[in-house]
């Protein structure tokens, strides 16, 4: 089921329009690696969307972990430099 369809069904059930910010999001595009083209979030199947978000989060998490490791190395090097400056 497409994400847009889910929101349309919800709008009918709730008796309210789809919020403007959600409409804008549904029109936003992202690169689809398998189709090798841009696809609107609203046209994505819910399963595809969840997998894409999970993958994005995994990539971000790996990036953040890498940055933390880099920062730890920098801090450790600073501590070594400080000790050397003090003659320890």
C-alpha atoms as a PDB file:
ATOM      1  CA  UNK A   1       0.000   0.000   0.000  1.00  0.00           C
ATOM      2  CA  UNK A   2       1.328   3.430  -0.942  1.00  0.00           C
ATOM      3  CA  UNK A   3       1.997   5.969   1.801  1.00  0.00           C
ATOM      4  CA  UNK A   4      -0.265   8.496   0.065  1.00  0.00           C
ATOM      5  CA  UNK A   5      -3.126   5.964   0.111  1.00  0.00           C
ATOM      6  CA  UNK A   6      -2.645   5.386   3.827  1.00  0.00           C
ATOM      7  CA  UNK A   7      -2.983   9.119   4.517  1.00  0.00           C
ATOM      8  CA  UNK A   8      -6.008   9.377   2.220  1.00  0.00           C
ATOM      9  CA  UNK A   9      -7.717   6.546   4.111  1.00  0.00           C
ATOM     10  CA  UNK A  10      -6.836   8.162   7.417  1.00  0.00           C
ATOM     11  CA  UNK A  11      -8.273  11.485   6.199  1.00  0.00           C
ATOM     12  CA  UNK A  12     -11.562   9.764   5.352  1.00  0.00           C
ATOM     13  CA  UNK A  13     -11.707   7.910   8.663  1.00  0.00           C
ATOM     14  CA  UNK A  14     -10.824  11.006  10.698  1.00  0.00           C
ATOM     15  CA  UNK A  15     -13.005  13.319   8.605  1.00  0.00           C
ATOM     16  CA  UNK A  16     -10.091  15.746   8.177  1.00  0.00           C
ATOM     17  CA  UNK A  17      -7.843  16.857   5.372  1.00  0.00           C
ATOM     18  CA  UNK A  18      -4.290  15.636   5.108  1.00  0.00           C
ATOM     19  CA  UNK A  19      -2.127  18.260   6.866  1.00  0.00           C
ATOM     20  CA  UNK A  20      -0.202  20.596   4.563  1.00  0.00           C
ATOM     21  CA  UNK A  21       3.197  19.577   5.916  1.00  0.00           C
ATOM     22  CA  UNK A  22       2.376  15.919   5.238  1.00  0.00           C
ATOM     23  CA  UNK A  23       1.201  16.766   1.699  1.00  0.00           C
ATOM     24  CA  UNK A  24       4.522  18.544   1.136  1.00  0.00           C
ATOM     25  CA  UNK A  25       6.441  15.566   2.503  1.00  0.00           C
ATOM     26  CA  UNK A  26       4.542  13.173   0.231  1.00  0.00           C
ATOM     27  CA  UNK A  27       5.679  15.256  -2.756  1.00  0.00           C
ATOM     28  CA  UNK A  28       9.320  15.212  -1.637  1.00  0.00           C
ATOM     29  CA  UNK A  29      11.550  12.971  -3.730  1.00  0.00           C
ATOM     30  CA  UNK A  30      14.404  10.689  -2.832  1.00  0.00           C
ATOM     31  CA  UNK A  31      16.704   8.608  -5.008  1.00  0.00           C
ATOM     32  CA  UNK A  32      15.550   5.018  -5.459  1.00  0.00           C
ATOM     33  CA  UNK A  33      18.633   2.887  -5.990  1.00  0.00           C
ATOM     34  CA  UNK A  34      16.749  -0.140  -7.341  1.00  0.00           C
ATOM     35  CA  UNK A  35      14.705   1.880  -9.855  1.00  0.00           C
ATOM     36  CA  UNK A  36      17.618   4.237 -10.562  1.00  0.00           C
ATOM     37  CA  UNK A  37      15.337   7.263 -10.469  1.00  0.00           C
ATOM     38  CA  UNK A  38      13.772   9.698  -8.050  1.00  0.00           C
ATOM     39  CA  UNK A  39      10.549   8.622  -6.381  1.00  0.00           C
ATOM     40  CA  UNK A  40       8.127  10.656  -4.280  1.00  0.00           C
ATOM     41  CA  UNK A  41       7.658   9.500  -0.713  1.00  0.00           C
ATOM     42  CA  UNK A  42       3.909   9.417  -1.296  1.00  0.00           C
ATOM     43  CA  UNK A  43       4.392   6.940  -4.152  1.00  0.00           C
ATOM     44  CA  UNK A  44       6.472   4.598  -2.034  1.00  0.00           C
ATOM     45  CA  UNK A  45       5.016   1.378  -0.717  1.00  0.00           C
ATOM     46  CA  UNK A  46       4.955   1.456   3.093  1.00  0.00           C
ATOM     47  CA  UNK A  47       7.356  -1.520   3.238  1.00  0.00           C
ATOM     48  CA  UNK A  48       9.802   0.249   0.898  1.00  0.00           C
ATOM     49  CA  UNK A  49       9.572   3.425   2.972  1.00  0.00           C
ATOM     50  CA  UNK A  50      10.254   1.643   6.265  1.00  0.00           C
ATOM     51  CA  UNK A  51      13.229  -0.196   4.773  1.00  0.00           C
ATOM     52  CA  UNK A  52      14.626   3.036   3.306  1.00  0.00           C
ATOM     53  CA  UNK A  53      14.301   4.883   6.616  1.00  0.00           C
ATOM     54  CA  UNK A  54      15.839   1.962   8.515  1.00  0.00           C
ATOM     55  CA  UNK A  55      18.755   1.887   6.070  1.00  0.00           C
ATOM     56  CA  UNK A  56      19.224   5.667   6.363  1.00  0.00           C
ATOM     57  CA  UNK A  57      19.271   5.337  10.157  1.00  0.00           C
ATOM     58  CA  UNK A  58      21.818   2.517   9.955  1.00  0.00           C
ATOM     59  CA  UNK A  59      24.085   4.579   7.689  1.00  0.00           C
ATOM     60  CA  UNK A  60      23.742   7.596   9.983  1.00  0.00           C
ATOM     61  CA  UNK A  61      24.487   5.458  13.023  1.00  0.00           C
ATOM     62  CA  UNK A  62      27.647   4.059  11.391  1.00  0.00           C
ATOM     63  CA  UNK A  63      28.720   7.595  10.453  1.00  0.00           C
ATOM     64  CA  UNK A  64      28.118   8.833  13.987  1.00  0.00           C
ATOM     65  CA  UNK A  65      30.066   5.896  15.429  1.00  0.00           C
ATOM     66  CA  UNK A  66      32.948   6.633  13.082  1.00  0.00           C
ATOM     67  CA  UNK A  67      32.932  10.309  14.071  1.00  0.00           C
ATOM     68  CA  UNK A  68      32.927   9.373  17.760  1.00  0.00           C
ATOM     69  CA  UNK A  69      35.916   7.090  17.219  1.00  0.00           C
ATOM     70  CA  UNK A  70      37.736   9.898  15.386  1.00  0.00           C
ATOM     71  CA  UNK A  71      36.980  12.295  18.221  1.00  0.00           C
ATOM     72  CA  UNK A  72      38.197   9.780  20.800  1.00  0.00           C
ATOM     73  CA  UNK A  73      41.477   9.411  18.911  1.00  0.00           C
ATOM     74  CA  UNK A  74      41.861  13.196  18.789  1.00  0.00           C
ATOM     75  CA  UNK A  75      41.193  13.573  22.506  1.00  0.00           C
ATOM     76  CA  UNK A  76      43.654  10.794  23.317  1.00  0.00           C
ATOM     77  CA  UNK A  77      46.289  12.454  21.143  1.00  0.00           C
ATOM     78  CA  UNK A  78      45.661  15.783  22.884  1.00  0.00           C
ATOM     79  CA  UNK A  79      46.162  14.101  26.257  1.00  0.00           C
ATOM     80  CA  UNK A  80      49.454  12.620  25.046  1.00  0.00           C
ATOM     81  CA  UNK A  81      50.552  16.028  23.740  1.00  0.00           C
ATOM     82  CA  UNK A  82      49.662  17.698  27.058  1.00  0.00           C
ATOM     83  CA  UNK A  83      51.636  15.093  29.002  1.00  0.00           C
ATOM     84  CA  UNK A  84      54.627  15.617  26.716  1.00  0.00           C
ATOM     85  CA  UNK A  85      54.417  19.394  27.169  1.00  0.00           C
ATOM     86  CA  UNK A  86      54.414  18.948  30.939  1.00  0.00           C
ATOM     87  CA  UNK A  87      57.354  16.569  30.703  1.00  0.00           C
ATOM     88  CA  UNK A  88      55.430  13.628  32.120  1.00  0.00           C
END
